Amino acid sequence: MKQVLVIRLGAMGDILHALPAVASLRASAGVRIAWIVKPQFRELLDGGGIADEILEFRRRGIRPLLATLRNLRRRRFDCAVDFQGLIQSALVARLSRARRVIGFERALLREPVAALFYHDRVQSPAAHVVDRYLDLAAAAGAAQRLFQFPLPPGREEGRLPQDRFLLASPFAGWGSKQWPLEHWLALAELVQTELQLPLVFNVSPAQAAAFGTHKDIHLHVSSISGLINATRRAAAVIGVDSGPMHLAAALDRPGVAIYGPTDPQRNGPYSRRIRVLRDPAARTSYARSAEPDPSMRAISPRQVLDALREVL
């Protein structure tokens, strides 16, 4: 039995992008997959059948970190595949003492120094991250390319309408990828008036405070499992370049994705059922800032409504 360690610690969208590659690896005969991930993202993997074992990466405090590394070393992995491409993830791969550590070549890494820890450095001509990950899996021994996104069923959480509804995930990891809150509020009025559908905003408890005292706003406060359930039920999903939008793509739900500084050819929803809106004047940049990028502000609520009509 070939023991393979998969390293994709986070974040949500990146883990989702790695699912087809890991599914391809696991489909190979005689392969056992252990996936190490940050605890807050474990819900994406539990119960989905993507890995034989899920390990948690706990880095706060020297004792939990050392315990994690000892746990990895005991397993005597034949191969460690670093889908993350950071110094941290590359160190985890190397310190696992896997016989072979595989990652991308320097030019494809956000932190090129990580390549120093790899035995094999993989090139990929692909534009989209999902396809790059599939190339990495092939280098690790995957015999086929499976375009599958194994995910758990999720569970009911919070309040959801009994009838059809639209699901919005307005937040992203950095502010420049977000659509202005006033645009979201205007869109909620438009879809209710013209489509006769409620717009449900999926948020974490911390994000709910951003809506303040706005009336007639339907908030669905949930964990990742609750978001999975809500996404499966939604008639369509609206979002930005963030984990919930990529979840909609993975679950093959129709939707509209609003993009600005990030390149949808590289990081867009991996689905033909999702319409991507991006201002023609948008300039690709992965610099993180707190405020919405001007190209995000340029997309109007009316444009999003028109795109919704096309996918519903």
C-alpha atoms as a PDB file:
ATOM      1  CA  MET A   1       0.000   0.000   0.000  1.00  0.00           C
ATOM      2  CA  LYS A   2       1.440   3.366  -1.058  1.00  0.00           C
ATOM      3  CA  GLN A   3       1.070   5.944   1.716  1.00  0.00           C
ATOM      4  CA  VAL A   4       0.520   9.485   0.370  1.00  0.00           C
ATOM      5  CA  LEU A   5       0.445  12.650   2.464  1.00  0.00           C
ATOM      6  CA  VAL A   6      -1.575  15.512   0.951  1.00  0.00           C
ATOM      7  CA  ILE A   7      -0.701  18.977   2.206  1.00  0.00           C
ATOM      8  CA  ARG A   8      -3.283  21.692   1.596  1.00  0.00           C
ATOM      9  CA  LEU A   9      -3.772  23.353   4.940  1.00  0.00           C
ATOM     10  CA  GLY A  10      -6.232  26.044   3.771  1.00  0.00           C
ATOM     11  CA  ALA A  11      -7.969  28.144   2.748  1.00  0.00           C
ATOM     12  CA  MET A  12     -11.477  27.049   1.799  1.00  0.00           C
ATOM     13  CA  GLY A  13     -11.376  27.809  -1.924  1.00  0.00           C
ATOM     14  CA  ASP A  14      -7.899  26.333  -2.328  1.00  0.00           C
ATOM     15  CA  ILE A  15      -8.939  23.112  -0.608  1.00  0.00           C
ATOM     16  CA  LEU A  16     -11.921  22.848  -2.957  1.00  0.00           C
ATOM     17  CA  HIS A  17      -9.645  23.395  -5.957  1.00  0.00           C
ATOM     18  CA  ALA A  18      -7.488  20.478  -4.811  1.00  0.00           C
ATOM     19  CA  LEU A  19     -10.345  17.957  -4.571  1.00  0.00           C
ATOM     20  CA  PRO A  20     -10.178  16.651  -8.183  1.00  0.00           C
ATOM     21  CA  ALA A  21      -6.417  16.129  -7.911  1.00  0.00           C
ATOM     22  CA  VAL A  22      -6.685  14.254  -4.626  1.00  0.00           C
ATOM     23  CA  ALA A  23      -9.624  12.218  -5.960  1.00  0.00           C
ATOM     24  CA  SER A  24      -7.416  11.268  -8.919  1.00  0.00           C
ATOM     25  CA  LEU A  25      -4.621  10.169  -6.591  1.00  0.00           C
ATOM     26  CA  ARG A  26      -6.963   8.151  -4.400  1.00  0.00           C
ATOM     27  CA  ALA A  27      -8.426   6.342  -7.420  1.00  0.00           C
ATOM     28  CA  SER A  28      -5.039   4.777  -8.156  1.00  0.00           C
ATOM     29  CA  ALA A  29      -4.750   1.168  -7.061  1.00  0.00           C
ATOM     30  CA  GLY A  30      -3.004   0.578  -3.759  1.00  0.00           C
ATOM     31  CA  VAL A  31      -2.954   4.209  -2.599  1.00  0.00           C
ATOM     32  CA  ARG A  32      -3.890   5.390   0.873  1.00  0.00           C
ATOM     33  CA  ILE A  33      -4.420   9.143   1.342  1.00  0.00           C
ATOM     34  CA  ALA A  34      -3.833  11.129   4.528  1.00  0.00           C
ATOM     35  CA  TRP A  35      -4.719  14.835   4.219  1.00  0.00           C
ATOM     36  CA  ILE A  36      -3.369  17.383   6.698  1.00  0.00           C
ATOM     37  CA  VAL A  37      -5.504  20.500   7.069  1.00  0.00           C
ATOM     38  CA  LYS A  38      -6.121  23.336   9.520  1.00  0.00           C
ATOM     39  CA  PRO A  39      -8.865  22.452  12.034  1.00  0.00           C
ATOM     40  CA  GLN A  40     -11.275  25.167  10.845  1.00  0.00           C
ATOM     41  CA  PHE A  41     -11.460  23.593   7.373  1.00  0.00           C
ATOM     42  CA  ARG A  42     -11.851  19.967   8.424  1.00  0.00           C
ATOM     43  CA  GLU A  43     -15.617  20.109   7.799  1.00  0.00           C
ATOM     44  CA  LEU A  44     -14.915  20.333   4.060  1.00  0.00           C
ATOM     45  CA  LEU A  45     -13.314  16.890   4.129  1.00  0.00           C
ATOM     46  CA  ASP A  46     -15.105  14.935   6.868  1.00  0.00           C
ATOM     47  CA  GLY A  47     -17.636  12.523   5.418  1.00  0.00           C
ATOM     48  CA  GLY A  48     -16.822  13.271   1.788  1.00  0.00           C
ATOM     49  CA  GLY A  49     -14.710  10.189   1.182  1.00  0.00           C
ATOM     50  CA  ILE A  50     -11.808  12.168  -0.267  1.00  0.00           C
ATOM     51  CA  ALA A  51      -9.209  10.835   2.178  1.00  0.00           C
ATOM     52  CA  ASP A  52      -8.632   7.704   4.218  1.00  0.00           C
ATOM     53  CA  GLU A  53      -7.452   9.820   7.117  1.00  0.00           C
ATOM     54  CA  ILE A  54      -7.693  13.515   8.002  1.00  0.00           C
ATOM     55  CA  LEU A  55      -4.971  15.002  10.163  1.00  0.00           C
ATOM     56  CA  GLU A  56      -5.179  18.398  11.821  1.00  0.00           C
ATOM     57  CA  PHE A  57      -2.370  20.920  11.569  1.00  0.00           C
ATOM     58  CA  ARG A  58      -2.118  22.766  14.864  1.00  0.00           C
ATOM     59  CA  ARG A  59       0.677  25.322  14.865  1.00  0.00           C
ATOM     60  CA  ARG A  60      -0.195  27.408  17.929  1.00  0.00           C
ATOM     61  CA  GLY A  61       2.220  26.415  20.627  1.00  0.00           C
ATOM     62  CA  ILE A  62       5.361  24.347  20.274  1.00  0.00           C
ATOM     63  CA  ARG A  63       3.889  21.226  21.884  1.00  0.00           C
ATOM     64  CA  PRO A  64       0.929  20.819  19.464  1.00  0.00           C
ATOM     65  CA  LEU A  65       3.278  21.454  16.529  1.00  0.00           C
ATOM     66  CA  LEU A  66       5.812  18.875  17.689  1.00  0.00           C
ATOM     67  CA  ALA A  67       3.017  16.376  18.332  1.00  0.00           C
ATOM     68  CA  THR A  68       1.759  16.901  14.777  1.00  0.00           C
ATOM     69  CA  LEU A  69       5.224  16.304  13.309  1.00  0.00           C
ATOM     70  CA  ARG A  70       5.761  13.166  15.411  1.00  0.00           C
ATOM     71  CA  ASN A  71       2.394  11.896  14.248  1.00  0.00           C
ATOM     72  CA  LEU A  72       3.394  12.404  10.608  1.00  0.00           C
ATOM     73  CA  ARG A  73       6.764  10.715  10.979  1.00  0.00           C
ATOM     74  CA  ARG A  74       5.254   7.586  12.519  1.00  0.00           C
ATOM     75  CA  ARG A  75       3.300   6.939   9.339  1.00  0.00           C
ATOM     76  CA  ARG A  76       6.368   6.553   7.088  1.00  0.00           C
ATOM     77  CA  PHE A  77       4.831   8.166   4.020  1.00  0.00           C
ATOM     78  CA  ASP A  78       6.080   7.101   0.619  1.00  0.00           C
ATOM     79  CA  CYS A  79       5.173  10.452  -0.884  1.00  0.00           C
ATOM     80  CA  ALA A  80       4.194  13.941   0.315  1.00  0.00           C
ATOM     81  CA  VAL A  81       2.451  16.233  -2.186  1.00  0.00           C
ATOM     82  CA  ASP A  82       2.489  19.932  -1.334  1.00  0.00           C
ATOM     83  CA  PHE A  83      -0.474  21.605  -3.035  1.00  0.00           C
ATOM     84  CA  GLN A  84       0.002  24.756  -0.934  1.00  0.00           C
ATOM     85  CA  GLY A  85       3.381  25.950  -2.169  1.00  0.00           C
ATOM     86  CA  LEU A  86       4.354  27.961   0.904  1.00  0.00           C
ATOM     87  CA  ILE A  87       7.465  27.669   3.055  1.00  0.00           C
ATOM     88  CA  GLN A  88       5.282  26.457   5.924  1.00  0.00           C
ATOM     89  CA  SER A  89       3.625  23.682   3.919  1.00  0.00           C
ATOM     90  CA  ALA A  90       6.900  22.661   2.268  1.00  0.00           C
ATOM     91  CA  LEU A  91       8.509  22.353   5.696  1.00  0.00           C
ATOM     92  CA  VAL A  92       5.650  20.148   6.869  1.00  0.00           C
ATOM     93  CA  ALA A  93       6.168  17.954   3.809  1.00  0.00           C
ATOM     94  CA  ARG A  94       9.901  17.643   4.368  1.00  0.00           C
ATOM     95  CA  LEU A  95       9.705  17.174   8.135  1.00  0.00           C
ATOM     96  CA  SER A  96       7.207  14.348   7.617  1.00  0.00           C
ATOM     97  CA  ARG A  97      10.238  12.355   6.396  1.00  0.00           C
ATOM     98  CA  ALA A  98       8.335  11.164   3.352  1.00  0.00           C
ATOM     99  CA  ARG A  99      10.618   9.352   0.943  1.00  0.00           C
ATOM    100  CA  ARG A 100       9.627  11.693  -1.879  1.00  0.00           C
ATOM    101  CA  VAL A 101       8.386  15.290  -1.590  1.00  0.00           C
ATOM    102  CA  ILE A 102       6.650  16.770  -4.627  1.00  0.00           C
ATOM    103  CA  GLY A 103       5.678  20.362  -5.334  1.00  0.00           C
ATOM    104  CA  PHE A 104       5.552  22.964  -8.077  1.00  0.00           C
ATOM    105  CA  GLU A 105       8.541  24.620  -9.705  1.00  0.00           C
ATOM    106  CA  ARG A 106       9.630  28.003  -8.346  1.00  0.00           C
ATOM    107  CA  ALA A 107       7.797  30.078 -10.968  1.00  0.00           C
ATOM    108  CA  LEU A 108       4.428  28.669  -9.843  1.00  0.00           C
ATOM    109  CA  LEU A 109       4.961  29.237  -6.126  1.00  0.00           C
ATOM    110  CA  ARG A 110       3.808  32.221  -4.090  1.00  0.00           C
ATOM    111  CA  GLU A 111       6.884  31.660  -1.944  1.00  0.00           C
ATOM    112  CA  PRO A 112       9.568  30.363  -4.357  1.00  0.00           C
ATOM    113  CA  VAL A 113      11.917  29.374  -1.517  1.00  0.00           C
ATOM    114  CA  ALA A 114       9.528  26.485  -0.811  1.00  0.00           C
ATOM    115  CA  ALA A 115      10.927  24.682  -3.868  1.00  0.00           C
ATOM    116  CA  LEU A 116      14.174  24.058  -1.971  1.00  0.00           C
ATOM    117  CA  PHE A 117      12.364  21.470   0.154  1.00  0.00           C
ATOM    118  CA  TYR A 118      11.061  19.395  -2.769  1.00  0.00           C
ATOM    119  CA  HIS A 119      12.704  16.354  -4.313  1.00  0.00           C
ATOM    120  CA  ASP A 120      10.617  16.773  -7.474  1.00  0.00           C
ATOM    121  CA  ARG A 121       9.585  20.166  -8.887  1.00  0.00           C
ATOM    122  CA  VAL A 122       6.653  19.986 -11.285  1.00  0.00           C
ATOM    123  CA  GLN A 123       5.970  22.287 -14.216  1.00  0.00           C
ATOM    124  CA  SER A 124       2.424  22.989 -15.387  1.00  0.00           C
ATOM    125  CA  PRO A 125       1.362  24.994 -18.446  1.00  0.00           C
ATOM    126  CA  ALA A 126      -2.247  25.119 -17.217  1.00  0.00           C
ATOM    127  CA  ALA A 127      -3.900  28.455 -16.485  1.00  0.00           C
ATOM    128  CA  HIS A 128      -6.426  27.387 -13.856  1.00  0.00           C
ATOM    129  CA  VAL A 129      -5.375  26.224 -10.410  1.00  0.00           C
ATOM    130  CA  VAL A 130      -7.564  23.093 -10.618  1.00  0.00           C
ATOM    131  CA  ASP A 131      -5.738  21.950 -13.762  1.00  0.00           C
ATOM    132  CA  ARG A 132      -2.354  22.750 -12.223  1.00  0.00           C
ATOM    133  CA  TYR A 133      -3.224  20.614  -9.235  1.00  0.00           C
ATOM    134  CA  LEU A 134      -4.213  17.774 -11.561  1.00  0.00           C
ATOM    135  CA  ASP A 135      -0.776  18.045 -13.206  1.00  0.00           C
ATOM    136  CA  LEU A 136       0.827  17.811  -9.765  1.00  0.00           C
ATOM    137  CA  ALA A 137      -1.238  14.717  -8.972  1.00  0.00           C
ATOM    138  CA  ALA A 138      -0.138  13.114 -12.241  1.00  0.00           C
ATOM    139  CA  ALA A 139       3.500  13.682 -11.276  1.00  0.00           C
ATOM    140  CA  ALA A 140       2.760  11.978  -7.958  1.00  0.00           C
ATOM    141  CA  GLY A 141       1.419   8.896  -9.732  1.00  0.00           C
ATOM    142  CA  ALA A 142      -2.257   9.529 -10.492  1.00  0.00           C
ATOM    143  CA  ALA A 143      -3.128   7.401 -13.513  1.00  0.00           C
ATOM    144  CA  GLN A 144      -6.204   9.397 -14.523  1.00  0.00           C
ATOM    145  CA  ARG A 145      -7.660  12.891 -14.262  1.00  0.00           C
ATOM    146  CA  LEU A 146     -10.942  12.847 -12.375  1.00  0.00           C
ATOM    147  CA  PHE A 147     -13.018  16.014 -12.437  1.00  0.00           C
ATOM    148  CA  GLN A 148     -14.792  15.183  -9.207  1.00  0.00           C
ATOM    149  CA  PHE A 149     -15.434  17.235  -6.082  1.00  0.00           C
ATOM    150  CA  PRO A 150     -16.256  14.760  -3.289  1.00  0.00           C
ATOM    151  CA  LEU A 151     -17.949  16.717  -0.509  1.00  0.00           C
ATOM    152  CA  PRO A 152     -19.941  15.840   2.614  1.00  0.00           C
ATOM    153  CA  PRO A 153     -23.732  16.358   2.574  1.00  0.00           C
ATOM    154  CA  GLY A 154     -23.688  19.206   5.088  1.00  0.00           C
ATOM    155  CA  ARG A 155     -26.310  19.759   7.755  1.00  0.00           C
ATOM    156  CA  GLU A 156     -29.204  22.090   8.430  1.00  0.00           C
ATOM    157  CA  GLU A 157     -28.245  25.190  10.387  1.00  0.00           C
ATOM    158  CA  GLY A 158     -29.833  28.578  10.875  1.00  0.00           C
ATOM    159  CA  ARG A 159     -32.942  29.848   9.106  1.00  0.00           C
ATOM    160  CA  LEU A 160     -33.601  29.128   5.435  1.00  0.00           C
ATOM    161  CA  PRO A 161     -36.782  29.772   3.419  1.00  0.00           C
ATOM    162  CA  GLN A 162     -38.949  26.754   2.692  1.00  0.00           C
ATOM    163  CA  ASP A 163     -39.393  27.782  -0.948  1.00  0.00           C
ATOM    164  CA  ARG A 164     -36.868  28.843  -3.604  1.00  0.00           C
ATOM    165  CA  PHE A 165     -34.223  31.356  -2.591  1.00  0.00           C
ATOM    166  CA  LEU A 166     -30.960  32.868  -3.780  1.00  0.00           C
ATOM    167  CA  LEU A 167     -27.845  32.528  -1.649  1.00  0.00           C
ATOM    168  CA  ALA A 168     -25.268  35.312  -1.357  1.00  0.00           C
ATOM    169  CA  SER A 169     -21.817  35.071   0.203  1.00  0.00           C
ATOM    170  CA  PRO A 170     -20.629  38.684   0.317  1.00  0.00           C
ATOM    171  CA  PHE A 171     -17.293  38.370   2.082  1.00  0.00           C
ATOM    172  CA  ALA A 172     -13.790  37.395   0.938  1.00  0.00           C
ATOM    173  CA  GLY A 173     -10.419  36.852   2.540  1.00  0.00           C
ATOM    174  CA  TRP A 174      -9.321  40.360   1.607  1.00  0.00           C
ATOM    175  CA  GLY A 175     -11.308  43.532   1.110  1.00  0.00           C
ATOM    176  CA  SER A 176     -10.183  44.263  -2.450  1.00  0.00           C
ATOM    177  CA  LYS A 177     -12.097  41.177  -3.653  1.00  0.00           C
ATOM    178  CA  GLN A 178     -15.352  42.253  -1.990  1.00  0.00           C
ATOM    179  CA  TRP A 179     -18.344  43.920  -3.610  1.00  0.00           C
ATOM    180  CA  PRO A 180     -19.531  47.027  -1.716  1.00  0.00           C
ATOM    181  CA  LEU A 181     -22.161  46.337   0.925  1.00  0.00           C
ATOM    182  CA  GLU A 182     -24.499  48.967  -0.527  1.00  0.00           C
ATOM    183  CA  HIS A 183     -24.466  47.050  -3.838  1.00  0.00           C
ATOM    184  CA  TRP A 184     -25.507  43.882  -2.024  1.00  0.00           C
ATOM    185  CA  LEU A 185     -28.371  45.665  -0.288  1.00  0.00           C
ATOM    186  CA  ALA A 186     -29.558  47.116  -3.604  1.00  0.00           C
ATOM    187  CA  LEU A 187     -29.368  43.664  -5.210  1.00  0.00           C
ATOM    188  CA  ALA A 188     -31.503  42.196  -2.425  1.00  0.00           C
ATOM    189  CA  GLU A 189     -34.237  44.723  -3.229  1.00  0.00           C
ATOM    190  CA  LEU A 190     -33.982  44.067  -6.966  1.00  0.00           C
ATOM    191  CA  VAL A 191     -34.273  40.278  -6.771  1.00  0.00           C
ATOM    192  CA  GLN A 192     -37.188  40.520  -4.365  1.00  0.00           C
ATOM    193  CA  THR A 193     -39.023  43.045  -6.554  1.00  0.00           C
ATOM    194  CA  GLU A 194     -38.260  41.682 -10.015  1.00  0.00           C
ATOM    195  CA  LEU A 195     -37.647  37.968  -9.438  1.00  0.00           C
ATOM    196  CA  GLN A 196     -39.868  37.521  -6.380  1.00  0.00           C
ATOM    197  CA  LEU A 197     -37.079  35.600  -4.686  1.00  0.00           C
ATOM    198  CA  PRO A 198     -35.508  36.267  -1.295  1.00  0.00           C
ATOM    199  CA  LEU A 199     -31.761  36.846  -1.159  1.00  0.00           C
ATOM    200  CA  VAL A 200     -30.252  35.017   1.803  1.00  0.00           C
ATOM    201  CA  PHE A 201     -26.861  36.235   3.019  1.00  0.00           C
ATOM    202  CA  ASN A 202     -24.684  33.446   4.364  1.00  0.00           C
ATOM    203  CA  VAL A 203     -22.346  34.796   7.052  1.00  0.00           C
ATOM    204  CA  SER A 204     -20.304  33.730  10.019  1.00  0.00           C
ATOM    205  CA  PRO A 205     -21.234  35.111  13.447  1.00  0.00           C
ATOM    206  CA  ALA A 206     -18.433  37.682  13.170  1.00  0.00           C
ATOM    207  CA  GLN A 207     -19.531  38.808   9.695  1.00  0.00           C
ATOM    208  CA  ALA A 208     -23.175  39.272  10.700  1.00  0.00           C
ATOM    209  CA  ALA A 209     -22.289  42.476  12.541  1.00  0.00           C
ATOM    210  CA  ALA A 210     -21.376  44.177   9.241  1.00  0.00           C
ATOM    211  CA  PHE A 211     -25.077  44.386   8.352  1.00  0.00           C
ATOM    212  CA  GLY A 212     -25.792  46.396  11.481  1.00  0.00           C
ATOM    213  CA  THR A 213     -29.449  47.331  11.882  1.00  0.00           C
ATOM    214  CA  HIS A 214     -30.493  46.942   8.236  1.00  0.00           C
ATOM    215  CA  LYS A 215     -34.079  45.725   8.172  1.00  0.00           C
ATOM    216  CA  ASP A 216     -35.559  43.054   5.912  1.00  0.00           C
ATOM    217  CA  ILE A 217     -32.178  41.359   5.460  1.00  0.00           C
ATOM    218  CA  HIS A 218     -32.227  37.565   5.750  1.00  0.00           C
ATOM    219  CA  LEU A 219     -28.999  36.374   7.386  1.00  0.00           C
ATOM    220  CA  HIS A 220     -28.054  32.705   7.478  1.00  0.00           C
ATOM    221  CA  VAL A 221     -25.418  32.291  10.170  1.00  0.00           C
ATOM    222  CA  SER A 222     -23.696  28.936   9.835  1.00  0.00           C
ATOM    223  CA  SER A 223     -20.565  26.837   9.883  1.00  0.00           C
ATOM    224  CA  ILE A 224     -19.077  25.269   6.750  1.00  0.00           C
ATOM    225  CA  SER A 225     -21.463  22.306   7.089  1.00  0.00           C
ATOM    226  CA  GLY A 226     -24.434  24.664   7.182  1.00  0.00           C
ATOM    227  CA  LEU A 227     -23.101  26.511   4.149  1.00  0.00           C
ATOM    228  CA  ILE A 228     -22.810  23.239   2.221  1.00  0.00           C
ATOM    229  CA  ASN A 229     -26.441  22.433   2.980  1.00  0.00           C
ATOM    230  CA  ALA A 230     -27.625  25.944   2.059  1.00  0.00           C
ATOM    231  CA  THR A 231     -25.651  25.878  -1.197  1.00  0.00           C
ATOM    232  CA  ARG A 232     -27.176  22.546  -2.206  1.00  0.00           C
ATOM    233  CA  ARG A 233     -30.655  23.974  -1.613  1.00  0.00           C
ATOM    234  CA  ALA A 234     -30.221  27.385  -3.262  1.00  0.00           C
ATOM    235  CA  ALA A 235     -31.742  28.114  -6.679  1.00  0.00           C
ATOM    236  CA  ALA A 236     -28.572  30.064  -7.493  1.00  0.00           C
ATOM    237  CA  VAL A 237     -25.555  31.495  -5.707  1.00  0.00           C
ATOM    238  CA  ILE A 238     -24.031  34.969  -5.945  1.00  0.00           C
ATOM    239  CA  GLY A 239     -20.561  35.688  -4.629  1.00  0.00           C
ATOM    240  CA  VAL A 240     -17.049  36.951  -5.154  1.00  0.00           C
ATOM    241  CA  ASP A 241     -13.671  35.237  -5.401  1.00  0.00           C
ATOM    242  CA  SER A 242     -13.999  33.353  -2.130  1.00  0.00           C
ATOM    243  CA  GLY A 243     -14.542  29.875  -0.740  1.00  0.00           C
ATOM    244  CA  PRO A 244     -18.364  29.904  -0.861  1.00  0.00           C
ATOM    245  CA  MET A 245     -18.358  30.742  -4.577  1.00  0.00           C
ATOM    246  CA  HIS A 246     -15.953  27.893  -5.291  1.00  0.00           C
ATOM    247  CA  LEU A 247     -18.162  25.644  -3.171  1.00  0.00           C
ATOM    248  CA  ALA A 248     -21.087  26.466  -5.468  1.00  0.00           C
ATOM    249  CA  ALA A 249     -18.956  25.462  -8.453  1.00  0.00           C
ATOM    250  CA  ALA A 250     -17.902  22.225  -6.754  1.00  0.00           C
ATOM    251  CA  LEU A 251     -21.563  21.392  -6.045  1.00  0.00           C
ATOM    252  CA  ASP A 252     -22.525  22.245  -9.644  1.00  0.00           C
ATOM    253  CA  ARG A 253     -24.937  24.992  -8.634  1.00  0.00           C
ATOM    254  CA  PRO A 254     -25.793  27.860 -11.018  1.00  0.00           C
ATOM    255  CA  GLY A 255     -24.618  31.293 -10.037  1.00  0.00           C
ATOM    256  CA  VAL A 256     -23.000  34.645 -10.694  1.00  0.00           C
ATOM    257  CA  ALA A 257     -19.433  35.416  -9.608  1.00  0.00           C
ATOM    258  CA  ILE A 258     -18.294  39.029  -9.291  1.00  0.00           C
ATOM    259  CA  TYR A 259     -14.571  39.430  -9.995  1.00  0.00           C
ATOM    260  CA  GLY A 260     -12.190  42.375  -9.934  1.00  0.00           C
ATOM    261  CA  PRO A 261      -8.467  42.255  -9.136  1.00  0.00           C
ATOM    262  CA  THR A 262      -8.050  38.468  -9.293  1.00  0.00           C
ATOM    263  CA  ASP A 263      -7.908  36.622 -12.606  1.00  0.00           C
ATOM    264  CA  PRO A 264     -10.899  34.318 -13.245  1.00  0.00           C
ATOM    265  CA  GLN A 265      -8.809  32.377 -15.770  1.00  0.00           C
ATOM    266  CA  ARG A 266      -6.612  31.306 -12.860  1.00  0.00           C
ATOM    267  CA  ASN A 267      -8.942  31.425  -9.857  1.00  0.00           C
ATOM    268  CA  GLY A 268     -12.438  31.532 -11.317  1.00  0.00           C
ATOM    269  CA  PRO A 269     -15.275  29.128 -10.462  1.00  0.00           C
ATOM    270  CA  TYR A 270     -14.502  25.802 -12.125  1.00  0.00           C
ATOM    271  CA  SER A 271     -17.961  25.411 -13.625  1.00  0.00           C
ATOM    272  CA  ARG A 272     -19.841  26.219 -16.805  1.00  0.00           C
ATOM    273  CA  ARG A 273     -22.979  26.947 -14.783  1.00  0.00           C
ATOM    274  CA  ILE A 274     -21.544  30.066 -13.188  1.00  0.00           C
ATOM    275  CA  ARG A 275     -21.451  33.382 -15.024  1.00  0.00           C
ATOM    276  CA  VAL A 276     -18.409  35.522 -14.208  1.00  0.00           C
ATOM    277  CA  LEU A 277     -18.764  39.315 -14.257  1.00  0.00           C
ATOM    278  CA  ARG A 278     -15.591  41.387 -14.445  1.00  0.00           C
ATOM    279  CA  ASP A 279     -15.168  45.027 -15.379  1.00  0.00           C
ATOM    280  CA  PRO A 280     -13.153  45.371 -18.642  1.00  0.00           C
ATOM    281  CA  ALA A 281     -10.929  47.949 -16.942  1.00  0.00           C
ATOM    282  CA  ALA A 282      -9.977  45.586 -14.103  1.00  0.00           C
ATOM    283  CA  ARG A 283      -6.261  45.083 -13.581  1.00  0.00           C
ATOM    284  CA  THR A 284      -5.041  41.777 -12.234  1.00  0.00           C
ATOM    285  CA  SER A 285      -3.411  42.129  -8.840  1.00  0.00           C
ATOM    286  CA  TYR A 286      -3.037  39.848  -5.851  1.00  0.00           C
ATOM    287  CA  ALA A 287      -2.033  42.662  -3.518  1.00  0.00           C
ATOM    288  CA  ARG A 288      -4.210  42.536  -0.428  1.00  0.00           C
ATOM    289  CA  SER A 289      -6.026  45.658   0.715  1.00  0.00           C
ATOM    290  CA  ALA A 290      -8.935  46.427   3.022  1.00  0.00           C
ATOM    291  CA  GLU A 291     -11.237  48.308   0.641  1.00  0.00           C
ATOM    292  CA  PRO A 292     -13.093  46.962  -2.431  1.00  0.00           C
ATOM    293  CA  ASP A 293     -11.118  47.385  -5.646  1.00  0.00           C
ATOM    294  CA  PRO A 294     -12.508  50.092  -7.999  1.00  0.00           C
ATOM    295  CA  SER A 295     -13.236  47.386 -10.574  1.00  0.00           C
ATOM    296  CA  MET A 296     -15.529  45.694  -8.046  1.00  0.00           C
ATOM    297  CA  ARG A 297     -17.433  48.921  -7.463  1.00  0.00           C
ATOM    298  CA  ALA A 298     -17.883  49.245 -11.234  1.00  0.00           C
ATOM    299  CA  ILE A 299     -20.131  46.154 -11.397  1.00  0.00           C
ATOM    300  CA  SER A 300     -23.689  47.359 -10.787  1.00  0.00           C
ATOM    301  CA  PRO A 301     -26.504  45.488  -9.019  1.00  0.00           C
ATOM    302  CA  ARG A 302     -28.480  45.659 -12.271  1.00  0.00           C
ATOM    303  CA  GLN A 303     -25.694  43.820 -14.123  1.00  0.00           C
ATOM    304  CA  VAL A 304     -25.765  41.070 -11.520  1.00  0.00           C
ATOM    305  CA  LEU A 305     -29.551  40.821 -11.754  1.00  0.00           C
ATOM    306  CA  ASP A 306     -29.370  40.486 -15.548  1.00  0.00           C
ATOM    307  CA  ALA A 307     -26.757  37.739 -15.207  1.00  0.00           C
ATOM    308  CA  LEU A 308     -28.951  35.963 -12.668  1.00  0.00           C
ATOM    309  CA  ARG A 309     -31.815  35.881 -15.151  1.00  0.00           C
ATOM    310  CA  GLU A 310     -29.521  34.038 -17.561  1.00  0.00           C
ATOM    311  CA  VAL A 311     -28.540  31.291 -15.119  1.00  0.00           C
ATOM    312  CA  LEU A 312     -31.886  30.704 -13.403  1.00  0.00           C
END
